[in-house]
């Protein structure tokens, strides 16, 4: 099996897991992502960027996740190709803190820009939902072409 086929299989597994939803154990064992912000590649692949804590392979600090396949902000979780994440405070909270420190009443969306090479920030979560649906459909379509 090629690396591309293995990655596609991993994405399909993650989508299936996300559709079933996380268990209490999944979330208890998951790293937390604080000050998270969705980003998208020029190919339409969504990821999350933020400060990780409790990650099994990374020591913490700012990270980019593997490809995002599902996210429920209200339930406080995200599923990537590699793992579950518990969502802490969004990056917009960080922007508001900086704006307040600068004496501003409000922080406009995108007020603080952090460069993630190869990706653009996606501040509108309704657009993220559309993007995730399109991305998942594309993964499913690619899988049908393999058989």
C-alpha atoms as a PDB file:
ATOM      1  CA  UNK A   1       0.000   0.000   0.000  1.00  0.00           C
ATOM      2  CA  UNK A   2       1.374   3.436  -0.912  1.00  0.00           C
ATOM      3  CA  UNK A   3       1.849   6.251   1.584  1.00  0.00           C
ATOM      4  CA  UNK A   4      -1.021   8.113  -0.091  1.00  0.00           C
ATOM      5  CA  UNK A   5      -3.301   5.088   0.286  1.00  0.00           C
ATOM      6  CA  UNK A   6      -2.286   4.656   3.940  1.00  0.00           C
ATOM      7  CA  UNK A   7      -2.989   8.330   4.630  1.00  0.00           C
ATOM      8  CA  UNK A   8      -6.385   8.088   2.897  1.00  0.00           C
ATOM      9  CA  UNK A   9      -7.197   5.040   5.027  1.00  0.00           C
ATOM     10  CA  UNK A  10      -6.214   6.961   8.163  1.00  0.00           C
ATOM     11  CA  UNK A  11      -8.490   9.858   7.139  1.00  0.00           C
ATOM     12  CA  UNK A  12     -11.422   7.505   6.521  1.00  0.00           C
ATOM     13  CA  UNK A  13     -10.891   5.894   9.948  1.00  0.00           C
ATOM     14  CA  UNK A  14     -10.839   9.345  11.579  1.00  0.00           C
ATOM     15  CA  UNK A  15     -14.052  10.362   9.788  1.00  0.00           C
ATOM     16  CA  UNK A  16     -15.773   7.166  10.944  1.00  0.00           C
ATOM     17  CA  UNK A  17     -14.618   7.822  14.523  1.00  0.00           C
ATOM     18  CA  UNK A  18     -15.803  11.448  14.342  1.00  0.00           C
ATOM     19  CA  UNK A  19     -19.198  10.400  12.997  1.00  0.00           C
ATOM     20  CA  UNK A  20     -19.609   8.096  16.011  1.00  0.00           C
ATOM     21  CA  UNK A  21     -18.421  10.885  18.321  1.00  0.00           C
ATOM     22  CA  UNK A  22     -15.808  10.765  21.045  1.00  0.00           C
ATOM     23  CA  UNK A  23     -16.211   8.609  24.123  1.00  0.00           C
ATOM     24  CA  UNK A  24     -15.480   9.950  27.592  1.00  0.00           C
ATOM     25  CA  UNK A  25     -12.203   8.007  27.474  1.00  0.00           C
ATOM     26  CA  UNK A  26     -11.293   9.510  24.083  1.00  0.00           C
ATOM     27  CA  UNK A  27     -11.617  13.012  25.517  1.00  0.00           C
ATOM     28  CA  UNK A  28     -10.001  12.158  28.861  1.00  0.00           C
ATOM     29  CA  UNK A  29      -6.913  10.907  26.986  1.00  0.00           C
ATOM     30  CA  UNK A  30      -6.920  13.690  24.379  1.00  0.00           C
ATOM     31  CA  UNK A  31      -4.498  16.614  24.363  1.00  0.00           C
ATOM     32  CA  UNK A  32      -5.968  20.074  24.872  1.00  0.00           C
ATOM     33  CA  UNK A  33      -5.661  22.718  22.192  1.00  0.00           C
ATOM     34  CA  UNK A  34      -5.896  26.264  23.540  1.00  0.00           C
ATOM     35  CA  UNK A  35      -6.051  29.480  21.513  1.00  0.00           C
ATOM     36  CA  UNK A  36      -6.922  27.345  18.511  1.00  0.00           C
ATOM     37  CA  UNK A  37      -7.690  28.727  15.092  1.00  0.00           C
ATOM     38  CA  UNK A  38      -8.664  26.782  11.972  1.00  0.00           C
ATOM     39  CA  UNK A  39      -6.440  27.167   8.909  1.00  0.00           C
ATOM     40  CA  UNK A  40      -6.803  25.858   5.374  1.00  0.00           C
ATOM     41  CA  UNK A  41      -4.199  24.874   2.778  1.00  0.00           C
ATOM     42  CA  UNK A  42      -4.361  25.999  -0.828  1.00  0.00           C
ATOM     43  CA  UNK A  43      -5.672  22.499  -1.596  1.00  0.00           C
ATOM     44  CA  UNK A  44      -8.573  22.897   0.829  1.00  0.00           C
ATOM     45  CA  UNK A  45      -7.162  20.740   3.623  1.00  0.00           C
ATOM     46  CA  UNK A  46      -8.267  22.091   7.015  1.00  0.00           C
ATOM     47  CA  UNK A  47      -6.048  21.945  10.112  1.00  0.00           C
ATOM     48  CA  UNK A  48      -6.081  23.477  13.566  1.00  0.00           C
ATOM     49  CA  UNK A  49      -3.313  25.606  14.999  1.00  0.00           C
ATOM     50  CA  UNK A  50      -2.946  26.404  18.679  1.00  0.00           C
ATOM     51  CA  UNK A  51      -1.154  25.685  21.933  1.00  0.00           C
ATOM     52  CA  UNK A  52      -1.114  21.982  22.766  1.00  0.00           C
ATOM     53  CA  UNK A  53      -0.851  20.523  26.228  1.00  0.00           C
ATOM     54  CA  UNK A  54      -0.864  16.849  27.111  1.00  0.00           C
ATOM     55  CA  UNK A  55       0.067  15.763  23.587  1.00  0.00           C
ATOM     56  CA  UNK A  56       1.503  12.227  23.532  1.00  0.00           C
ATOM     57  CA  UNK A  57       4.276  13.070  21.029  1.00  0.00           C
ATOM     58  CA  UNK A  58       4.860  16.810  21.337  1.00  0.00           C
ATOM     59  CA  UNK A  59       6.148  18.669  24.376  1.00  0.00           C
ATOM     60  CA  UNK A  60       3.653  21.507  24.097  1.00  0.00           C
ATOM     61  CA  UNK A  61       3.616  24.983  22.694  1.00  0.00           C
ATOM     62  CA  UNK A  62       2.245  26.152  19.348  1.00  0.00           C
ATOM     63  CA  UNK A  63       1.472  23.307  16.949  1.00  0.00           C
ATOM     64  CA  UNK A  64      -0.372  22.560  13.747  1.00  0.00           C
ATOM     65  CA  UNK A  65      -2.509  19.441  13.799  1.00  0.00           C
ATOM     66  CA  UNK A  66      -2.855  16.821  11.142  1.00  0.00           C
ATOM     67  CA  UNK A  67      -5.821  17.269   8.801  1.00  0.00           C
ATOM     68  CA  UNK A  68      -9.041  18.188  10.551  1.00  0.00           C
ATOM     69  CA  UNK A  69     -12.030  15.975   9.727  1.00  0.00           C
ATOM     70  CA  UNK A  70     -14.625  17.089  12.289  1.00  0.00           C
ATOM     71  CA  UNK A  71     -15.131  19.623  15.025  1.00  0.00           C
ATOM     72  CA  UNK A  72     -17.875  20.384  17.519  1.00  0.00           C
ATOM     73  CA  UNK A  73     -17.156  23.694  19.208  1.00  0.00           C
ATOM     74  CA  UNK A  74     -20.256  23.408  21.418  1.00  0.00           C
ATOM     75  CA  UNK A  75     -19.155  19.993  22.711  1.00  0.00           C
ATOM     76  CA  UNK A  76     -15.522  21.160  22.893  1.00  0.00           C
ATOM     77  CA  UNK A  77     -13.791  18.599  20.682  1.00  0.00           C
ATOM     78  CA  UNK A  78     -12.074  18.204  17.339  1.00  0.00           C
ATOM     79  CA  UNK A  79     -11.017  15.109  15.424  1.00  0.00           C
ATOM     80  CA  UNK A  80      -7.985  15.132  13.163  1.00  0.00           C
ATOM     81  CA  UNK A  81      -6.501  12.337  11.079  1.00  0.00           C
ATOM     82  CA  UNK A  82      -4.266  11.461  14.029  1.00  0.00           C
ATOM     83  CA  UNK A  83      -6.283  11.999  17.197  1.00  0.00           C
ATOM     84  CA  UNK A  84      -8.983  13.666  19.245  1.00  0.00           C
ATOM     85  CA  UNK A  85      -8.407  17.105  20.774  1.00  0.00           C
ATOM     86  CA  UNK A  86     -10.239  18.836  23.577  1.00  0.00           C
ATOM     87  CA  UNK A  87     -10.824  22.446  22.579  1.00  0.00           C
ATOM     88  CA  UNK A  88      -9.838  25.106  25.065  1.00  0.00           C
ATOM     89  CA  UNK A  89     -10.245  28.817  24.452  1.00  0.00           C
ATOM     90  CA  UNK A  90     -10.296  29.924  20.790  1.00  0.00           C
ATOM     91  CA  UNK A  91      -7.729  32.299  19.317  1.00  0.00           C
ATOM     92  CA  UNK A  92     -10.395  35.035  19.245  1.00  0.00           C
ATOM     93  CA  UNK A  93     -10.116  35.137  23.071  1.00  0.00           C
ATOM     94  CA  UNK A  94      -6.384  35.784  22.728  1.00  0.00           C
ATOM     95  CA  UNK A  95      -7.098  38.579  20.238  1.00  0.00           C
ATOM     96  CA  UNK A  96      -9.568  40.180  22.667  1.00  0.00           C
ATOM     97  CA  UNK A  97      -6.963  40.056  25.451  1.00  0.00           C
ATOM     98  CA  UNK A  98      -4.377  41.794  23.261  1.00  0.00           C
ATOM     99  CA  UNK A  99      -6.895  44.403  22.108  1.00  0.00           C
ATOM    100  CA  UNK A 100      -7.878  45.103  25.719  1.00  0.00           C
ATOM    101  CA  UNK A 101      -4.195  45.453  26.686  1.00  0.00           C
ATOM    102  CA  UNK A 102      -3.862  47.992  23.863  1.00  0.00           C
ATOM    103  CA  UNK A 103      -6.858  49.953  25.136  1.00  0.00           C
ATOM    104  CA  UNK A 104      -9.217  48.878  22.340  1.00  0.00           C
ATOM    105  CA  UNK A 105     -12.856  48.126  23.085  1.00  0.00           C
ATOM    106  CA  UNK A 106     -13.087  45.301  20.536  1.00  0.00           C
ATOM    107  CA  UNK A 107     -10.753  43.182  18.459  1.00  0.00           C
ATOM    108  CA  UNK A 108     -11.916  42.781  14.879  1.00  0.00           C
ATOM    109  CA  UNK A 109     -11.739  39.254  13.484  1.00  0.00           C
ATOM    110  CA  UNK A 110      -8.224  38.593  12.269  1.00  0.00           C
ATOM    111  CA  UNK A 111      -6.849  41.439  14.401  1.00  0.00           C
ATOM    112  CA  UNK A 112      -3.775  39.366  15.269  1.00  0.00           C
ATOM    113  CA  UNK A 113      -2.167  37.564  12.352  1.00  0.00           C
ATOM    114  CA  UNK A 114       0.165  34.652  12.919  1.00  0.00           C
ATOM    115  CA  UNK A 115       1.800  33.114   9.871  1.00  0.00           C
ATOM    116  CA  UNK A 116       1.380  29.375   9.385  1.00  0.00           C
ATOM    117  CA  UNK A 117       3.365  28.666   6.205  1.00  0.00           C
ATOM    118  CA  UNK A 118       1.231  27.118   3.478  1.00  0.00           C
ATOM    119  CA  UNK A 119      -2.066  27.914   5.237  1.00  0.00           C
ATOM    120  CA  UNK A 120      -4.534  30.766   5.580  1.00  0.00           C
ATOM    121  CA  UNK A 121      -6.479  31.425   8.786  1.00  0.00           C
ATOM    122  CA  UNK A 122     -10.188  30.714   8.646  1.00  0.00           C
ATOM    123  CA  UNK A 123     -11.982  32.838  11.228  1.00  0.00           C
ATOM    124  CA  UNK A 124     -15.568  32.095  10.154  1.00  0.00           C
ATOM    125  CA  UNK A 125     -16.647  28.799  11.746  1.00  0.00           C
ATOM    126  CA  UNK A 126     -19.694  28.501   9.460  1.00  0.00           C
ATOM    127  CA  UNK A 127     -17.298  28.506   6.502  1.00  0.00           C
ATOM    128  CA  UNK A 128     -15.258  25.866   8.313  1.00  0.00           C
ATOM    129  CA  UNK A 129     -18.339  23.625   8.507  1.00  0.00           C
ATOM    130  CA  UNK A 130     -18.825  23.978   4.745  1.00  0.00           C
ATOM    131  CA  UNK A 131     -15.148  23.341   4.114  1.00  0.00           C
ATOM    132  CA  UNK A 132     -15.145  20.230   6.314  1.00  0.00           C
ATOM    133  CA  UNK A 133     -18.207  18.854   4.499  1.00  0.00           C
ATOM    134  CA  UNK A 134     -16.549  19.436   1.116  1.00  0.00           C
ATOM    135  CA  UNK A 135     -13.234  17.984   2.329  1.00  0.00           C
ATOM    136  CA  UNK A 136     -14.924  14.858   3.686  1.00  0.00           C
ATOM    137  CA  UNK A 137     -16.865  14.407   0.432  1.00  0.00           C
ATOM    138  CA  UNK A 138     -13.611  14.702  -1.508  1.00  0.00           C
ATOM    139  CA  UNK A 139     -11.963  12.043   0.688  1.00  0.00           C
ATOM    140  CA  UNK A 140     -14.945   9.721   0.136  1.00  0.00           C
ATOM    141  CA  UNK A 141     -14.869  10.351  -3.623  1.00  0.00           C
ATOM    142  CA  UNK A 142     -11.116   9.665  -3.759  1.00  0.00           C
ATOM    143  CA  UNK A 143     -11.734   6.375  -1.942  1.00  0.00           C
ATOM    144  CA  UNK A 144     -14.368   5.290  -4.487  1.00  0.00           C
ATOM    145  CA  UNK A 145     -11.831   5.889  -7.243  1.00  0.00           C
ATOM    146  CA  UNK A 146      -9.366   3.478  -5.580  1.00  0.00           C
ATOM    147  CA  UNK A 147     -11.599   0.452  -5.866  1.00  0.00           C
END
